[in-house]
Amino acid sequence: MIASKQPEVVEKKIKSIATIRLQRIIGLVFAIFLLMVVIFLSLMIGAKPLSIGEVWEALFSSTNSYNYAIIHESRIPRTIIALAVGPAFGLAGAVIQALTRNPLADPGILGVNAGAAFAVALAVGVFSISSISNFIWFALAGALVTSIAIYFIGGGAGKKSPTPEQITLAGVAMAAALNGITTALSLINSRAFAGMLSWRVGSIARKGLEDLWPITPFLVVGIVLALAIAPALNTIAFGDDRAASLGVNVNMIRIVGLLSITLLAGGATAIAGPIVFLGLMVPHCVRWFIGPDQPWIFIYSLIVAPLILLLSDIIGRTVMSPAEVPVGIITGFVGAPILLILMRRRKASGL
């Protein structure tokens, strides 16, 4: 009797897995559709609102009209930059949360963004470097050194791996210290930092595609590395010992993950500044809907992160029009309440 029920149980499990996969695919298609809609809204909305017809004409017209200049010189570069740095911040947050098994981790809270921003401030204020193609190396080095320092300050030098709480506390302390030093540098040499005020709070405005191209290879490599280790991170979620017993090289996965975080957070911070809470919000929003499956979380993060970033940027353009609020401030306003909710409901999206 029991044996006869086993095939039925297996069949139900197979159907359940197939149903979940279908739901995830449908959800992904819907997220991509929403992203396409928001991209078009990003081209329409601004200090000078444009209709759908005007946007369409400016996109495919060769006339040097005012609308053509707005679309091609301002809104298209701004939108493309959001489509690059949004996935970088979102995926970096997902990798950090998976590696540390800490649902409250992200590049901002753990100080990775602050490390990259401090290194860029050092490049601008001390070495008078103003080109993104030059200070990208400072941003990457700052993100890497900060990540390693936080791991060891949090207790990684001992025999046992640091707990998520230790890493979070070390990251918050490191971020506070680095932000203080960065602010001091900007005050000491205010002339050098005069054009970087919006960058310091996170902004994708007033940048061209020529600023993005030097960063793109680093972001692409970071995304590829993150997706490559995603299946192994599912195993590590059950503990290092069990993962090792199943043949996962835990140390190698952590090294690759750290490199991915460095490339993603460092590269994105170099061009857009330290945009906060995006890496915290996105993986949680995704996890609430699809569950703790890292490959799917990573794929969804690549779509949902630019969606949220573009929506925040659109809000920033309109909330105080004709003036603009940098997108980093908007994500901060949205992310702070979400952080408080997550702290009270950690089991709702636990890893």
Protein backbone atom coordinates (compact mmCIF):
# COMPACT_ATOMS: atom_id res chain seq x y z
CA MET A 1 0.00 0.00 0.00
CA ILE A 2 2.80 2.36 0.94
CA ALA A 3 4.76 1.42 -2.17
CA SER A 4 1.75 2.17 -4.36
CA LYS A 5 1.51 5.67 -2.92
CA GLN A 6 5.15 6.50 -3.59
CA PRO A 7 4.76 7.08 -7.36
CA GLU A 8 1.81 9.38 -6.63
CA VAL A 9 3.89 11.39 -4.15
CA VAL A 10 6.76 11.68 -6.64
CA GLU A 11 4.36 12.71 -9.39
CA LYS A 12 2.83 15.41 -7.15
CA LYS A 13 6.30 16.74 -6.32
CA ILE A 14 7.23 16.87 -10.01
CA LYS A 15 4.02 18.73 -10.83
CA SER A 16 4.64 21.12 -7.93
CA ILE A 17 8.17 21.87 -9.16
CA ALA A 18 6.90 22.38 -12.71
CA THR A 19 4.19 24.74 -11.44
CA ILE A 20 6.68 26.79 -9.41
CA ARG A 21 9.02 27.04 -12.39
CA LEU A 22 6.16 28.15 -14.66
CA GLN A 23 5.10 30.78 -12.12
CA ARG A 24 8.67 32.08 -11.92
CA ILE A 25 8.96 32.30 -15.71
CA ILE A 26 5.63 34.13 -15.96
CA GLY A 27 6.72 36.49 -13.18
CA LEU A 28 10.02 37.14 -14.95
CA VAL A 29 8.27 37.95 -18.23
CA PHE A 30 5.93 40.31 -16.38
CA ALA A 31 8.90 42.01 -14.66
CA ILE A 32 10.61 42.48 -18.04
CA PHE A 33 7.38 43.98 -19.42
CA LEU A 34 7.20 46.43 -16.48
CA LEU A 35 10.83 47.35 -17.04
CA MET A 36 10.10 48.16 -20.69
CA VAL A 37 7.20 50.38 -19.61
CA VAL A 38 9.35 52.20 -17.06
CA ILE A 39 12.12 52.70 -19.63
CA PHE A 40 9.66 54.45 -21.92
CA LEU A 41 8.34 56.52 -18.99
CA SER A 42 11.93 57.53 -18.24
CA LEU A 43 12.17 58.93 -21.76
CA MET A 44 8.85 60.76 -21.43
CA ILE A 45 9.02 62.30 -17.95
CA GLY A 46 11.26 65.17 -16.93
CA ALA A 47 11.44 68.96 -16.67
CA LYS A 48 9.84 69.02 -20.13
CA PRO A 49 7.25 66.23 -20.38
CA LEU A 50 7.01 64.57 -23.76
CA SER A 51 4.13 62.61 -25.23
CA ILE A 52 4.51 59.11 -26.61
CA GLY A 53 4.41 60.49 -30.15
CA GLU A 54 7.07 63.08 -29.41
CA VAL A 55 9.37 60.47 -27.85
CA TRP A 56 8.85 58.12 -30.77
CA GLU A 57 9.56 60.87 -33.29
CA ALA A 58 12.68 62.03 -31.42
CA LEU A 59 14.00 58.47 -31.20
CA PHE A 60 13.84 57.82 -34.92
CA SER A 61 14.04 61.30 -36.38
CA SER A 62 17.27 62.78 -37.66
CA THR A 63 16.16 66.40 -37.15
CA ASN A 64 18.13 68.34 -34.54
CA SER A 65 15.05 69.55 -32.69
CA TYR A 66 14.84 70.44 -29.00
CA ASN A 67 13.04 67.16 -28.24
CA TYR A 68 15.74 65.26 -30.12
CA ALA A 69 18.42 66.88 -27.94
CA ILE A 70 16.52 66.08 -24.73
CA ILE A 71 16.10 62.43 -25.67
CA HIS A 72 19.51 61.68 -27.14
CA GLU A 73 21.74 63.89 -25.01
CA SER A 74 20.05 63.54 -21.63
CA ARG A 75 17.36 60.92 -21.14
CA ILE A 76 18.76 58.03 -23.18
CA PRO A 77 22.20 58.16 -21.51
CA ARG A 78 20.54 58.54 -18.11
CA THR A 79 18.28 55.55 -18.72
CA ILE A 80 21.09 53.35 -20.05
CA ILE A 81 23.26 54.20 -17.03
CA ALA A 82 20.38 53.18 -14.75
CA LEU A 83 20.09 49.90 -16.69
CA ALA A 84 23.78 49.29 -15.98
CA VAL A 85 24.25 50.36 -12.35
CA GLY A 86 20.81 49.15 -11.18
CA PRO A 87 21.53 45.46 -11.84
CA ALA A 88 25.04 45.92 -10.40
CA PHE A 89 23.82 47.23 -7.05
CA GLY A 90 20.91 44.77 -6.88
CA LEU A 91 23.01 41.74 -7.75
CA ALA A 92 25.83 42.82 -5.40
CA GLY A 93 23.29 42.92 -2.58
CA ALA A 94 21.98 39.47 -3.47
CA VAL A 95 25.50 38.01 -3.50
CA ILE A 96 26.39 39.59 -0.15
CA GLN A 97 23.21 38.28 1.46
CA ALA A 98 23.84 34.79 0.12
CA LEU A 99 27.52 34.70 1.11
CA THR A 100 26.99 36.03 4.64
CA ARG A 101 23.59 34.37 5.12
CA ASN A 102 22.52 37.75 6.42
CA PRO A 103 19.13 39.03 5.16
CA LEU A 104 20.00 42.59 6.26
CA ALA A 105 23.22 42.86 4.25
CA ASP A 106 23.83 45.07 1.25
CA PRO A 107 26.79 47.00 -0.20
CA GLY A 108 25.64 50.19 1.56
CA ILE A 109 25.05 48.80 5.04
CA LEU A 110 28.23 46.71 4.98
CA GLY A 111 30.34 49.69 3.92
CA VAL A 112 31.39 48.42 0.50
CA ASN A 113 29.89 51.46 -1.23
CA ALA A 114 31.47 53.72 1.39
CA GLY A 115 34.87 52.15 0.72
CA ALA A 116 34.54 52.72 -3.01
CA ALA A 117 33.31 56.29 -2.43
CA PHE A 118 36.19 57.01 -0.05
CA ALA A 119 38.74 55.78 -2.60
CA VAL A 120 37.16 57.96 -5.30
CA ALA A 121 37.20 60.94 -2.93
CA LEU A 122 40.88 60.24 -2.31
CA ALA A 123 41.52 60.17 -6.05
CA VAL A 124 39.68 63.44 -6.63
CA GLY A 125 40.79 65.37 -3.55
CA VAL A 126 44.40 64.23 -3.22
CA PHE A 127 45.47 63.18 -6.70
CA SER A 128 43.21 65.58 -8.67
CA ILE A 129 41.82 62.77 -10.83
CA SER A 130 38.51 63.71 -12.47
CA SER A 131 38.03 61.10 -15.20
CA ILE A 132 35.88 58.06 -14.42
CA SER A 133 38.14 55.89 -16.56
CA ASN A 134 40.99 56.77 -14.17
CA PHE A 135 39.34 56.66 -10.76
CA ILE A 136 37.47 53.40 -11.50
CA TRP A 137 40.60 51.65 -10.26
CA PHE A 138 40.40 53.56 -6.99
CA ALA A 139 36.73 52.59 -6.61
CA LEU A 140 37.45 48.90 -7.20
CA ALA A 141 40.41 48.91 -4.82
CA GLY A 142 38.36 50.72 -2.17
CA ALA A 143 35.51 48.22 -2.45
CA LEU A 144 37.88 45.24 -2.28
CA VAL A 145 39.94 46.47 0.67
CA THR A 146 36.81 47.43 2.59
CA SER A 147 35.17 44.03 1.99
CA ILE A 148 38.24 42.18 3.23
CA ALA A 149 38.66 44.52 6.21
CA ILE A 150 35.02 44.11 7.27
CA TYR A 151 35.32 40.33 7.11
CA PHE A 152 38.38 40.30 9.37
CA ILE A 153 37.18 43.03 11.72
CA GLY A 154 33.95 41.07 12.12
CA GLY A 155 35.87 38.06 13.35
CA GLY A 156 37.00 36.35 10.17
CA ALA A 157 40.58 36.07 11.46
CA GLY A 158 39.51 33.53 14.09
CA LYS A 159 38.93 29.82 13.72
CA LYS A 160 35.21 30.25 13.13
CA SER A 161 33.57 32.27 10.38
CA PRO A 162 32.10 35.58 11.58
CA THR A 163 28.38 35.62 12.28
CA PRO A 164 26.02 37.75 10.17
CA GLU A 165 25.55 40.09 13.15
CA GLN A 166 29.31 40.57 13.55
CA ILE A 167 29.77 41.35 9.85
CA THR A 168 26.83 43.80 9.90
CA LEU A 169 28.16 45.66 12.95
CA ALA A 170 31.65 45.81 11.45
CA GLY A 171 30.22 47.08 8.17
CA VAL A 172 28.11 49.79 9.81
CA ALA A 173 31.11 50.98 11.85
CA MET A 174 33.39 50.95 8.80
CA ALA A 175 30.82 52.81 6.69
CA ALA A 176 30.41 55.51 9.35
CA ALA A 177 34.17 56.01 9.62
CA LEU A 178 34.74 56.13 5.85
CA ASN A 179 31.79 58.46 5.27
CA GLY A 180 33.20 60.80 7.91
CA ILE A 181 36.62 60.84 6.26
CA THR A 182 35.06 61.35 2.82
CA THR A 183 33.09 64.31 4.14
CA ALA A 184 36.23 65.76 5.70
CA LEU A 185 38.09 65.48 2.41
CA SER A 186 35.29 67.26 0.58
CA LEU A 187 35.32 70.09 3.13
CA ILE A 188 39.08 70.50 3.02
CA ASN A 189 39.14 70.67 -0.78
CA SER A 190 35.66 71.99 -1.55
CA ARG A 191 36.69 73.31 -4.97
CA ALA A 192 37.69 69.85 -6.21
CA PHE A 193 34.41 68.37 -4.95
CA ALA A 194 32.13 71.18 -6.15
CA GLY A 195 30.98 69.17 -9.15
CA MET A 196 30.54 65.93 -7.18
CA LEU A 197 27.87 66.96 -4.69
CA SER A 198 25.11 64.98 -6.40
CA TRP A 199 27.49 62.04 -6.96
CA ARG A 200 28.14 61.78 -3.21
CA VAL A 201 24.46 61.07 -2.49
CA GLY A 202 23.98 58.89 -5.59
CA SER A 203 22.92 60.26 -8.97
CA ILE A 204 22.61 59.08 -12.56
CA ALA A 205 21.95 62.57 -13.97
CA ARG A 206 24.28 64.69 -16.06
CA LYS A 207 26.42 61.78 -17.20
CA GLY A 208 27.11 60.60 -20.72
CA LEU A 209 27.60 57.20 -22.26
CA GLU A 210 31.32 57.98 -22.54
CA ASP A 211 31.39 57.74 -18.72
CA LEU A 212 29.75 54.32 -18.80
CA TRP A 213 31.93 52.50 -21.34
CA PRO A 214 35.08 52.25 -19.11
CA ILE A 215 32.93 50.70 -16.35
CA THR A 216 30.98 48.24 -18.52
CA PRO A 217 33.59 45.42 -18.74
CA PHE A 218 33.89 45.32 -14.94
CA LEU A 219 30.12 45.14 -14.49
CA VAL A 220 29.78 42.39 -17.10
CA VAL A 221 32.50 40.27 -15.50
CA GLY A 222 30.94 40.83 -12.06
CA ILE A 223 27.53 39.66 -13.31
CA VAL A 224 29.00 36.58 -15.00
CA LEU A 225 30.90 35.60 -11.83
CA ALA A 226 27.81 36.05 -9.67
CA LEU A 227 25.63 33.92 -11.94
CA ALA A 228 28.35 31.25 -12.09
CA ILE A 229 28.38 30.71 -8.31
CA ALA A 230 24.62 31.02 -7.79
CA PRO A 231 23.90 27.25 -7.72
CA ALA A 232 26.71 26.67 -5.20
CA LEU A 233 25.30 29.40 -2.95
CA ASN A 234 22.11 27.35 -2.63
CA THR A 235 24.20 24.58 -1.09
CA ILE A 236 26.18 26.94 1.16
CA ALA A 237 22.89 28.16 2.60
CA PHE A 238 22.70 24.86 4.51
CA GLY A 239 26.08 25.48 6.15
CA ASP A 240 29.74 25.34 5.19
CA ASP A 241 30.29 21.80 6.46
CA ARG A 242 27.39 20.33 4.53
CA ALA A 243 28.36 22.24 1.41
CA ALA A 244 31.92 20.92 1.66
CA SER A 245 30.63 17.37 2.11
CA LEU A 246 28.68 17.78 -1.14
CA GLY A 247 31.84 18.77 -3.01
CA VAL A 248 31.50 22.56 -2.95
CA ASN A 249 34.77 24.46 -2.58
CA VAL A 250 33.46 26.96 -0.05
CA ASN A 251 36.61 29.10 0.07
CA MET A 252 36.75 29.38 -3.71
CA ILE A 253 33.07 30.35 -3.88
CA ARG A 254 33.68 33.07 -1.29
CA ILE A 255 36.67 34.42 -3.19
CA VAL A 256 34.73 34.53 -6.45
CA GLY A 257 31.78 36.10 -4.65
CA LEU A 258 34.01 38.75 -3.10
CA LEU A 259 35.50 39.53 -6.50
CA SER A 260 32.01 39.80 -8.00
CA ILE A 261 30.86 42.17 -5.24
CA THR A 262 33.98 44.29 -5.73
CA LEU A 263 33.45 44.63 -9.48
CA LEU A 264 29.72 45.30 -9.20
CA ALA A 265 29.63 47.66 -6.22
CA GLY A 266 32.92 49.37 -7.05
CA GLY A 267 32.10 49.90 -10.72
CA ALA A 268 28.56 51.12 -10.07
CA THR A 269 29.69 53.48 -7.30
CA ALA A 270 32.37 54.96 -9.56
CA ILE A 271 29.79 56.25 -12.02
CA ALA A 272 26.63 56.76 -9.93
CA GLY A 273 27.93 57.30 -6.41
CA PRO A 274 26.98 55.27 -3.31
CA ILE A 275 23.27 54.65 -4.00
CA VAL A 276 21.95 53.18 -0.75
CA PHE A 277 19.41 50.47 0.06
CA LEU A 278 18.95 49.28 -3.54
CA GLY A 279 20.97 46.15 -2.84
CA LEU A 280 18.90 45.55 0.29
CA MET A 281 15.44 46.12 -1.17
CA VAL A 282 15.71 44.18 -4.40
CA PRO A 283 16.76 40.70 -3.15
CA HIS A 284 14.08 40.86 -0.44
CA CYS A 285 11.34 41.94 -2.79
CA VAL A 286 12.34 39.11 -5.10
CA ARG A 287 12.66 36.54 -2.30
CA TRP A 288 9.18 37.28 -1.01
CA PHE A 289 7.74 36.17 -4.37
CA ILE A 290 9.98 33.35 -5.58
CA GLY A 291 11.53 31.87 -2.43
CA PRO A 292 15.18 31.24 -1.43
CA ASP A 293 16.50 29.93 -4.76
CA GLN A 294 19.68 31.90 -5.50
CA PRO A 295 19.87 31.46 -9.31
CA TRP A 296 16.33 32.77 -9.65
CA ILE A 297 16.95 35.54 -7.10
CA PHE A 298 19.99 36.67 -9.09
CA ILE A 299 18.14 36.63 -12.42
CA TYR A 300 15.17 38.52 -10.99
CA SER A 301 17.51 41.04 -9.31
CA LEU A 302 18.98 41.90 -12.71
CA ILE A 303 15.49 42.97 -13.86
CA VAL A 304 13.87 44.35 -10.70
CA ALA A 305 16.85 46.50 -9.61
CA PRO A 306 16.88 48.79 -12.69
CA LEU A 307 13.07 48.85 -12.53
CA ILE A 308 13.15 50.25 -8.98
CA LEU A 309 16.07 52.56 -9.77
CA LEU A 310 14.33 54.07 -12.80
CA LEU A 311 11.09 54.51 -10.84
CA SER A 312 13.03 56.27 -8.08
CA ASP A 313 14.74 58.48 -10.67
CA ILE A 314 11.39 59.40 -12.22
CA ILE A 315 10.07 60.35 -8.78
CA GLY A 316 13.19 62.43 -8.20
CA ARG A 317 12.59 64.33 -11.45
CA THR A 318 8.97 65.18 -10.65
CA VAL A 319 8.62 65.55 -6.88
CA MET A 320 10.25 69.02 -6.85
CA SER A 321 9.99 69.93 -10.54
CA PRO A 322 11.64 71.77 -12.23
CA ALA A 323 14.40 70.99 -9.71
CA GLU A 324 15.54 67.38 -9.32
CA VAL A 325 16.21 65.21 -6.28
CA PRO A 326 19.16 62.80 -6.75
CA VAL A 327 18.04 59.21 -7.05
CA GLY A 328 20.16 58.17 -4.06
CA ILE A 329 18.00 60.31 -1.77
CA ILE A 330 14.81 58.75 -3.13
CA THR A 331 16.09 55.19 -2.63
CA GLY A 332 17.09 56.22 0.89
CA PHE A 333 13.58 57.46 1.67
CA VAL A 334 12.10 54.23 0.30
CA GLY A 335 14.74 51.90 1.70
CA ALA A 336 14.84 53.12 5.32
CA PRO A 337 11.25 52.04 6.13
CA ILE A 338 11.83 48.74 4.35
CA LEU A 339 14.92 48.14 6.51
CA LEU A 340 12.85 48.72 9.67
CA ILE A 341 10.18 46.32 8.43
CA LEU A 342 12.80 43.67 7.64
CA MET A 343 14.37 44.03 11.08
CA ARG A 344 10.97 43.26 12.64
CA ARG A 345 10.10 40.48 10.19
CA ARG A 346 13.38 38.73 9.45
CA LYS A 347 11.72 35.33 9.11
CA ALA A 348 9.51 36.64 6.33
CA SER A 349 12.39 36.53 3.92
CA GLY A 350 15.03 34.59 5.71
CA LEU A 351 17.82 32.90 3.82
